[in-house]
PDB file of N, CA and C in Angstrom:
ATOM      1  N   MET A   1      51.508 155.579 164.105  1.00  0.00           N
ATOM      2  CA  MET A   1      51.868 154.402 163.353  1.00  0.00           C
ATOM      3  C   MET A   1      53.273 154.564 162.775  1.00  0.00           C
ATOM      4  N   VAL A   2      54.039 153.518 162.810  1.00  0.00           N
ATOM      5  CA  VAL A   2      55.381 153.516 162.226  1.00  0.00           C
ATOM      6  C   VAL A   2      55.241 153.476 160.707  1.00  0.00           C
ATOM      7  N   GLN A   3      55.933 154.395 160.009  1.00  0.00           N
ATOM      8  CA  GLN A   3      55.852 154.434 158.555  1.00  0.00           C
ATOM      9  C   GLN A   3      57.146 154.006 157.868  1.00  0.00           C
ATOM     10  N   LEU A   4      58.266 154.047 158.616  1.00  0.00           N
ATOM     11  CA  LEU A   4      59.555 153.708 158.037  1.00  0.00           C
ATOM     12  C   LEU A   4      60.399 152.979 159.071  1.00  0.00           C
ATOM     13  N   VAL A   5      61.017 151.882 158.653  1.00  0.00           N
ATOM     14  CA  VAL A   5      61.917 151.117 159.510  1.00  0.00           C
ATOM     15  C   VAL A   5      63.241 150.965 158.777  1.00  0.00           C
ATOM     16  N   PHE A   6      64.339 151.364 159.428  1.00  0.00           N
ATOM     17  CA  PHE A   6      65.670 151.138 158.879  1.00  0.00           C
ATOM     18  C   PHE A   6      66.175 149.802 159.395  1.00  0.00           C
ATOM     19  N   VAL A   7      66.707 148.992 158.491  1.00  0.00           N
ATOM     20  CA  VAL A   7      67.150 147.647 158.828  1.00  0.00           C
ATOM     21  C   VAL A   7      68.649 147.527 158.579  1.00  0.00           C
ATOM     22  N   ASP A   8      69.398 147.188 159.624  1.00  0.00           N
ATOM     23  CA  ASP A   8      70.821 146.943 159.502  1.00  0.00           C
ATOM     24  C   ASP A   8      71.036 145.556 158.896  1.00  0.00           C
ATOM     25  N   VAL A   9      72.204 145.335 158.314  1.00  0.00           N
ATOM     26  CA  VAL A   9      72.475 144.049 157.669  1.00  0.00           C
ATOM     27  C   VAL A   9      73.093 143.066 158.650  1.00  0.00           C
ATOM     28  N   ASP A  10      74.346 143.270 158.984  1.00  0.00           N
ATOM     29  CA  ASP A  10      75.104 142.287 159.766  1.00  0.00           C
ATOM     30  C   ASP A  10      74.644 142.215 161.211  1.00  0.00           C
ATOM     31  N   GLY A  11      74.184 141.031 161.596  1.00  0.00           N
ATOM     32  CA  GLY A  11      73.723 140.802 162.958  1.00  0.00           C
ATOM     33  C   GLY A  11      72.258 141.151 163.173  1.00  0.00           C
ATOM     34  N   THR A  12      71.616 141.756 162.186  1.00  0.00           N
ATOM     35  CA  THR A  12      70.197 142.091 162.295  1.00  0.00           C
ATOM     36  C   THR A  12      69.418 141.354 161.211  1.00  0.00           C
ATOM     37  N   LEU A  13      69.616 141.736 159.956  1.00  0.00           N
ATOM     38  CA  LEU A  13      68.956 141.051 158.849  1.00  0.00           C
ATOM     39  C   LEU A  13      69.647 139.721 158.560  1.00  0.00           C
ATOM     40  N   VAL A  14      70.967 139.727 158.636  1.00  0.00           N
ATOM     41  CA  VAL A  14      71.771 138.545 158.316  1.00  0.00           C
ATOM     42  C   VAL A  14      72.453 138.028 159.568  1.00  0.00           C
ATOM     43  N   GLY A  15      72.235 136.756 159.881  1.00  0.00           N
ATOM     44  CA  GLY A  15      72.883 136.120 161.019  1.00  0.00           C
ATOM     45  C   GLY A  15      74.003 135.206 160.563  1.00  0.00           C
ATOM     46  N   LYS A  16      74.446 134.341 161.444  1.00  0.00           N
ATOM     47  CA  LYS A  16      75.550 133.424 161.133  1.00  0.00           C
ATOM     48  C   LYS A  16      75.222 132.495 159.973  1.00  0.00           C
ATOM     49  N   GLU A  17      73.954 132.155 159.825  1.00  0.00           N
ATOM     50  CA  GLU A  17      73.524 131.222 158.771  1.00  0.00           C
ATOM     51  C   GLU A  17      72.872 131.944 157.593  1.00  0.00           C
ATOM     52  N   GLY A  18      73.070 133.229 157.468  1.00  0.00           N
ATOM     53  CA  GLY A  18      72.440 133.999 156.399  1.00  0.00           C
ATOM     54  C   GLY A  18      71.147 134.641 156.887  1.00  0.00           C
ATOM     55  N   VAL A  19      70.274 134.966 155.961  1.00  0.00           N
ATOM     56  CA  VAL A  19      68.987 135.579 156.303  1.00  0.00           C
ATOM     57  C   VAL A  19      68.032 134.477 156.748  1.00  0.00           C
ATOM     58  N   PRO A  20      67.510 134.550 157.981  1.00  0.00           N
ATOM     59  CA  PRO A  20      66.580 133.525 158.449  1.00  0.00           C
ATOM     60  C   PRO A  20      65.314 133.468 157.579  1.00  0.00           C
ATOM     61  N   ALA A  21      64.753 132.301 157.441  1.00  0.00           N
ATOM     62  CA  ALA A  21      63.568 132.094 156.597  1.00  0.00           C
ATOM     63  C   ALA A  21      62.376 132.944 157.029  1.00  0.00           C
ATOM     64  N   CYS A  22      62.296 133.306 158.287  1.00  0.00           N
ATOM     65  CA  CYS A  22      61.158 134.075 158.787  1.00  0.00           C
ATOM     66  C   CYS A  22      61.203 135.551 158.392  1.00  0.00           C
ATOM     67  N   VAL A  23      62.346 136.019 157.897  1.00  0.00           N
ATOM     68  CA  VAL A  23      62.506 137.447 157.620  1.00  0.00           C
ATOM     69  C   VAL A  23      61.614 137.921 156.481  1.00  0.00           C
ATOM     70  N   TRP A  24      61.651 137.246 155.348  1.00  0.00           N
ATOM     71  CA  TRP A  24      60.939 137.760 154.177  1.00  0.00           C
ATOM     72  C   TRP A  24      59.420 137.754 154.351  1.00  0.00           C
ATOM     73  N   PRO A  25      58.814 136.745 154.981  1.00  0.00           N
ATOM     74  CA  PRO A  25      57.373 136.857 155.257  1.00  0.00           C
ATOM     75  C   PRO A  25      57.057 138.027 156.203  1.00  0.00           C
ATOM     76  N   ALA A  26      57.923 138.287 157.167  1.00  0.00           N
ATOM     77  CA  ALA A  26      57.715 139.419 158.071  1.00  0.00           C
ATOM     78  C   ALA A  26      57.828 140.741 157.308  1.00  0.00           C
ATOM     79  N   VAL A  27      58.780 140.810 156.381  1.00  0.00           N
ATOM     80  CA  VAL A  27      58.924 142.004 155.537  1.00  0.00           C
ATOM     81  C   VAL A  27      57.640 142.224 154.730  1.00  0.00           C
ATOM     82  N   GLU A  28      57.138 141.170 154.118  1.00  0.00           N
ATOM     83  CA  GLU A  28      55.910 141.280 153.325  1.00  0.00           C
ATOM     84  C   GLU A  28      54.722 141.707 154.185  1.00  0.00           C
ATOM     85  N   ALA A  29      54.650 141.211 155.412  1.00  0.00           N
ATOM     86  CA  ALA A  29      53.564 141.595 156.314  1.00  0.00           C
ATOM     87  C   ALA A  29      53.633 143.086 156.641  1.00  0.00           C
ATOM     88  N   LEU A  30      54.830 143.586 156.900  1.00  0.00           N
ATOM     89  CA  LEU A  30      54.988 145.022 157.177  1.00  0.00           C
ATOM     90  C   LEU A  30      54.636 145.852 155.945  1.00  0.00           C
ATOM     91  N   GLN A  31      55.107 145.420 154.787  1.00  0.00           N
ATOM     92  CA  GLN A  31      54.813 146.151 153.556  1.00  0.00           C
ATOM     93  C   GLN A  31      53.310 146.203 153.300  1.00  0.00           C
ATOM     94  N   SER A  32      52.607 145.121 153.589  1.00  0.00           N
ATOM     95  CA  SER A  32      51.159 145.090 153.367  1.00  0.00           C
ATOM     96  C   SER A  32      50.419 146.059 154.293  1.00  0.00           C
ATOM     97  N   GLN A  33      51.089 146.456 155.387  1.00  0.00           N
ATOM     98  CA  GLN A  33      50.508 147.424 156.315  1.00  0.00           C
ATOM     99  C   GLN A  33      50.966 148.849 155.999  1.00  0.00           C
ATOM    100  N   GLY A  34      51.695 149.010 154.886  1.00  0.00           N
ATOM    101  CA  GLY A  34      52.127 150.335 154.473  1.00  0.00           C
ATOM    102  C   GLY A  34      53.434 150.806 155.088  1.00  0.00           C
ATOM    103  N   VAL A  35      54.149 149.916 155.761  1.00  0.00           N
ATOM    104  CA  VAL A  35      55.433 150.267 156.359  1.00  0.00           C
ATOM    105  C   VAL A  35      56.518 150.177 155.287  1.00  0.00           C
ATOM    106  N   ARG A  36      57.320 151.226 155.169  1.00  0.00           N
ATOM    107  CA  ARG A  36      58.454 151.231 154.241  1.00  0.00           C
ATOM    108  C   ARG A  36      59.673 150.703 154.985  1.00  0.00           C
ATOM    109  N   LEU A  37      60.537 149.972 154.293  1.00  0.00           N
ATOM    110  CA  LEU A  37      61.758 149.423 154.878  1.00  0.00           C
ATOM    111  C   LEU A  37      62.952 149.924 154.081  1.00  0.00           C
ATOM    112  N   SER A  38      63.955 150.414 154.776  1.00  0.00           N
ATOM    113  CA  SER A  38      65.178 150.886 154.136  1.00  0.00           C
ATOM    114  C   SER A  38      66.367 150.196 154.772  1.00  0.00           C
ATOM    115  N   LEU A  39      67.288 149.793 153.938  1.00  0.00           N
ATOM    116  CA  LEU A  39      68.516 149.168 154.412  1.00  0.00           C
ATOM    117  C   LEU A  39      69.474 150.261 154.869  1.00  0.00           C
ATOM    118  N   ILE A  40      70.173 150.002 155.960  1.00  0.00           N
ATOM    119  CA  ILE A  40      71.222 150.902 156.422  1.00  0.00           C
ATOM    120  C   ILE A  40      72.382 150.017 156.870  1.00  0.00           C
ATOM    121  N   THR A  41      73.557 150.261 156.286  1.00  0.00           N
ATOM    122  CA  THR A  41      74.669 149.354 156.515  1.00  0.00           C
ATOM    123  C   THR A  41      76.010 150.039 156.310  1.00  0.00           C
ATOM    124  N   GLY A  42      77.034 149.442 156.858  1.00  0.00           N
ATOM    125  CA  GLY A  42      78.394 149.875 156.602  1.00  0.00           C
ATOM    126  C   GLY A  42      78.938 149.287 155.316  1.00  0.00           C
ATOM    127  N   ARG A  43      78.222 148.331 154.763  1.00  0.00           N
ATOM    128  CA  ARG A  43      78.661 147.679 153.525  1.00  0.00           C
ATOM    129  C   ARG A  43      78.520 148.629 152.332  1.00  0.00           C
ATOM    130  N   PRO A  44      79.319 148.378 151.265  1.00  0.00           N
ATOM    131  CA  PRO A  44      79.136 149.158 150.041  1.00  0.00           C
ATOM    132  C   PRO A  44      77.825 148.795 149.349  1.00  0.00           C
ATOM    133  N   GLY A  45      77.345 149.656 148.495  1.00  0.00           N
ATOM    134  CA  GLY A  45      76.071 149.458 147.804  1.00  0.00           C
ATOM    135  C   GLY A  45      76.175 148.578 146.584  1.00  0.00           C
ATOM    136  N   ARG A  46      76.620 147.365 146.787  1.00  0.00           N
ATOM    137  CA  ARG A  46      76.700 146.387 145.702  1.00  0.00           C
ATOM    138  C   ARG A  46      76.603 144.991 146.318  1.00  0.00           C
ATOM    139  N   GLY A  47      76.566 143.985 145.477  1.00  0.00           N
ATOM    140  CA  GLY A  47      76.537 142.606 145.951  1.00  0.00           C
ATOM    141  C   GLY A  47      75.308 142.280 146.774  1.00  0.00           C
ATOM    142  N   HIS A  48      75.529 141.532 147.843  1.00  0.00           N
ATOM    143  CA  HIS A  48      74.406 141.090 148.686  1.00  0.00           C
ATOM    144  C   HIS A  48      73.662 142.263 149.306  1.00  0.00           C
ATOM    145  N   ALA A  49      74.384 143.285 149.746  1.00  0.00           N
ATOM    146  CA  ALA A  49      73.716 144.432 150.381  1.00  0.00           C
ATOM    147  C   ALA A  49      72.747 145.095 149.410  1.00  0.00           C
ATOM    148  N   LEU A  50      73.149 145.255 148.169  1.00  0.00           N
ATOM    149  CA  LEU A  50      72.271 145.860 147.171  1.00  0.00           C
ATOM    150  C   LEU A  50      71.057 144.965 146.911  1.00  0.00           C
ATOM    151  N   ALA A  51      71.268 143.667 146.863  1.00  0.00           N
ATOM    152  CA  ALA A  51      70.156 142.735 146.661  1.00  0.00           C
ATOM    153  C   ALA A  51      69.172 142.789 147.832  1.00  0.00           C
ATOM    154  N   TYR A  52      69.689 142.872 149.057  1.00  0.00           N
ATOM    155  CA  TYR A  52      68.807 142.986 150.226  1.00  0.00           C
ATOM    156  C   TYR A  52      67.993 144.273 150.150  1.00  0.00           C
ATOM    157  N   ALA A  53      68.643 145.358 149.774  1.00  0.00           N
ATOM    158  CA  ALA A  53      67.951 146.643 149.673  1.00  0.00           C
ATOM    159  C   ALA A  53      66.824 146.572 148.649  1.00  0.00           C
ATOM    160  N   ARG A  54      67.115 146.017 147.505  1.00  0.00           N
ATOM    161  CA  ARG A  54      66.085 145.889 146.464  1.00  0.00           C
ATOM    162  C   ARG A  54      64.911 145.041 146.948  1.00  0.00           C
ATOM    163  N   ARG A  55      65.196 144.028 147.729  1.00  0.00           N
ATOM    164  CA  ARG A  55      64.121 143.157 148.227  1.00  0.00           C
ATOM    165  C   ARG A  55      63.309 143.857 149.319  1.00  0.00           C
ATOM    166  N   LEU A  56      63.967 144.658 150.142  1.00  0.00           N
ATOM    167  CA  LEU A  56      63.250 145.381 151.188  1.00  0.00           C
ATOM    168  C   LEU A  56      62.335 146.447 150.604  1.00  0.00           C
ATOM    169  N   ASP A  57      62.826 147.175 149.619  1.00  0.00           N
ATOM    170  CA  ASP A  57      62.007 148.205 148.981  1.00  0.00           C
ATOM    171  C   ASP A  57      62.629 148.572 147.636  1.00  0.00           C
ATOM    172  N   PRO A  58      62.106 148.015 146.553  1.00  0.00           N
ATOM    173  CA  PRO A  58      62.688 148.259 145.241  1.00  0.00           C
ATOM    174  C   PRO A  58      62.557 149.698 144.771  1.00  0.00           C
ATOM    175  N   MET A  59      61.772 150.518 145.449  1.00  0.00           N
ATOM    176  CA  MET A  59      61.621 151.926 145.074  1.00  0.00           C
ATOM    177  C   MET A  59      62.101 152.861 146.182  1.00  0.00           C
ATOM    178  N   GLY A  60      62.835 152.313 147.150  1.00  0.00           N
ATOM    179  CA  GLY A  60      63.176 153.102 148.329  1.00  0.00           C
ATOM    180  C   GLY A  60      64.535 153.760 148.307  1.00  0.00           C
ATOM    181  N   LEU A  61      64.818 154.417 149.406  1.00  0.00           N
ATOM    182  CA  LEU A  61      66.122 154.996 149.683  1.00  0.00           C
ATOM    183  C   LEU A  61      66.859 154.048 150.612  1.00  0.00           C
ATOM    184  N   HIS A  62      68.147 153.838 150.354  1.00  0.00           N
ATOM    185  CA  HIS A  62      68.931 152.917 151.163  1.00  0.00           C
ATOM    186  C   HIS A  62      70.293 153.533 151.454  1.00  0.00           C
ATOM    187  N   VAL A  63      70.802 153.284 152.643  1.00  0.00           N
ATOM    188  CA  VAL A  63      72.027 153.912 153.131  1.00  0.00           C
ATOM    189  C   VAL A  63      73.143 152.870 153.190  1.00  0.00           C
ATOM    190  N   PHE A  64      74.271 153.195 152.553  1.00  0.00           N
ATOM    191  CA  PHE A  64      75.417 152.294 152.494  1.00  0.00           C
ATOM    192  C   PHE A  64      76.664 153.004 153.009  1.00  0.00           C
ATOM    193  N   GLU A  65      77.693 152.234 153.260  1.00  0.00           N
ATOM    194  CA  GLU A  65      78.999 152.731 153.687  1.00  0.00           C
ATOM    195  C   GLU A  65      78.886 153.685 154.879  1.00  0.00           C
ATOM    196  N   SER A  66      78.121 153.231 155.871  1.00  0.00           N
ATOM    197  CA  SER A  66      77.925 153.963 157.134  1.00  0.00           C
ATOM    198  C   SER A  66      77.443 155.395 156.914  1.00  0.00           C
ATOM    199  N   GLY A  67      76.599 155.580 155.923  1.00  0.00           N
ATOM    200  CA  GLY A  67      76.012 156.884 155.664  1.00  0.00           C
ATOM    201  C   GLY A  67      76.723 157.691 154.597  1.00  0.00           C
ATOM    202  N   ALA A  68      77.844 157.197 154.094  1.00  0.00           N
ATOM    203  CA  ALA A  68      78.575 157.941 153.075  1.00  0.00           C
ATOM    204  C   ALA A  68      77.857 157.940 151.730  1.00  0.00           C
ATOM    205  N   VAL A  69      77.025 156.932 151.484  1.00  0.00           N
ATOM    206  CA  VAL A  69      76.301 156.821 150.217  1.00  0.00           C
ATOM    207  C   VAL A  69      74.832 156.516 150.504  1.00  0.00           C
ATOM    208  N   VAL A  70      73.957 157.309 149.904  1.00  0.00           N
ATOM    209  CA  VAL A  70      72.523 157.056 149.955  1.00  0.00           C
ATOM    210  C   VAL A  70      72.072 156.840 148.521  1.00  0.00           C
ATOM    211  N   LEU A  71      71.502 155.666 148.253  1.00  0.00           N
ATOM    212  CA  LEU A  71      71.039 155.352 146.903  1.00  0.00           C
ATOM    213  C   LEU A  71      69.526 155.424 146.839  1.00  0.00           C
ATOM    214  N   ALA A  72      69.050 156.014 145.763  1.00  0.00           N
ATOM    215  CA  ALA A  72      67.614 156.060 145.483  1.00  0.00           C
ATOM    216  C   ALA A  72      67.373 155.170 144.273  1.00  0.00           C
ATOM    217  N   PHE A  73      66.549 154.172 144.424  1.00  0.00           N
ATOM    218  CA  PHE A  73      66.189 153.332 143.290  1.00  0.00           C
ATOM    219  C   PHE A  73      65.193 154.094 142.441  1.00  0.00           C
ATOM    220  N   SER A  74      65.364 154.024 141.155  1.00  0.00           N
ATOM    221  CA  SER A  74      64.581 154.815 140.213  1.00  0.00           C
ATOM    222  C   SER A  74      63.127 154.377 140.182  1.00  0.00           C
ATOM    223  N   ARG A  75      62.265 155.347 140.059  1.00  0.00           N
ATOM    224  CA  ARG A  75      60.841 155.079 139.845  1.00  0.00           C
ATOM    225  C   ARG A  75      60.471 155.305 138.386  1.00  0.00           C
ATOM    226  N   ASP A  76      61.376 155.919 137.638  1.00  0.00           N
ATOM    227  CA  ASP A  76      61.148 156.230 136.237  1.00  0.00           C
ATOM    228  C   ASP A  76      61.819 155.160 135.373  1.00  0.00           C
ATOM    229  N   PRO A  77      61.073 154.413 134.587  1.00  0.00           N
ATOM    230  CA  PRO A  77      61.674 153.340 133.792  1.00  0.00           C
ATOM    231  C   PRO A  77      62.661 153.844 132.733  1.00  0.00           C
ATOM    232  N   HIS A  78      62.681 155.151 132.471  1.00  0.00           N
ATOM    233  CA  HIS A  78      63.578 155.714 131.475  1.00  0.00           C
ATOM    234  C   HIS A  78      64.866 156.258 132.069  1.00  0.00           C
ATOM    235  N   SER A  79      64.992 156.223 133.377  1.00  0.00           N
ATOM    236  CA  SER A  79      66.211 156.715 134.024  1.00  0.00           C
ATOM    237  C   SER A  79      67.037 155.531 134.515  1.00  0.00           C
ATOM    238  N   PRO A  80      68.291 155.774 134.895  1.00  0.00           N
ATOM    239  CA  PRO A  80      69.121 154.668 135.404  1.00  0.00           C
ATOM    240  C   PRO A  80      68.446 153.966 136.579  1.00  0.00           C
ATOM    241  N   ALA A  81      68.801 152.721 136.786  1.00  0.00           N
ATOM    242  CA  ALA A  81      68.163 151.903 137.822  1.00  0.00           C
ATOM    243  C   ALA A  81      68.371 152.455 139.224  1.00  0.00           C
ATOM    244  N   LEU A  82      69.478 153.116 139.485  1.00  0.00           N
ATOM    245  CA  LEU A  82      69.695 153.737 140.775  1.00  0.00           C
ATOM    246  C   LEU A  82      70.670 154.881 140.600  1.00  0.00           C
ATOM    247  N   HIS A  83      70.605 155.831 141.506  1.00  0.00           N
ATOM    248  CA  HIS A  83      71.537 156.948 141.453  1.00  0.00           C
ATOM    249  C   HIS A  83      71.840 157.408 142.884  1.00  0.00           C
ATOM    250  N   PRO A  84      73.050 157.884 143.103  1.00  0.00           N
ATOM    251  CA  PRO A  84      73.386 158.339 144.452  1.00  0.00           C
ATOM    252  C   PRO A  84      72.719 159.672 144.755  1.00  0.00           C
ATOM    253  N   LEU A  85      72.157 159.796 145.939  1.00  0.00           N
ATOM    254  CA  LEU A  85      71.618 161.065 146.412  1.00  0.00           C
ATOM    255  C   LEU A  85      72.676 161.829 147.173  1.00  0.00           C
ATOM    256  N   LEU A  86      73.530 161.083 147.854  1.00  0.00           N
ATOM    257  CA  LEU A  86      74.545 161.701 148.691  1.00  0.00           C
ATOM    258  C   LEU A  86      75.778 160.823 148.625  1.00  0.00           C
ATOM    259  N   VAL A  87      76.881 161.430 148.269  1.00  0.00           N
ATOM    260  CA  VAL A  87      78.144 160.697 148.220  1.00  0.00           C
ATOM    261  C   VAL A  87      79.196 161.515 148.933  1.00  0.00           C
TER     262      VAL A  87
END
């Protein structure tokens, strides 16, 4: 069984007209089956890319700037909201 899927942004998650309406229900269906989703992109970890990552998995690891930055969203409510694992 697939446990983790990395999702690219430009041309995969986001098309010419933005994120297609069918994407988020498909994401929810995968999550309900226990599949984790992580964003992987050449974009920096802010703005729309960060919002997409949070929506894919608010507690996950996400890769930005073509692998130069890996962000881990915090699971501890007393720690910062996100921190870099690799810079």
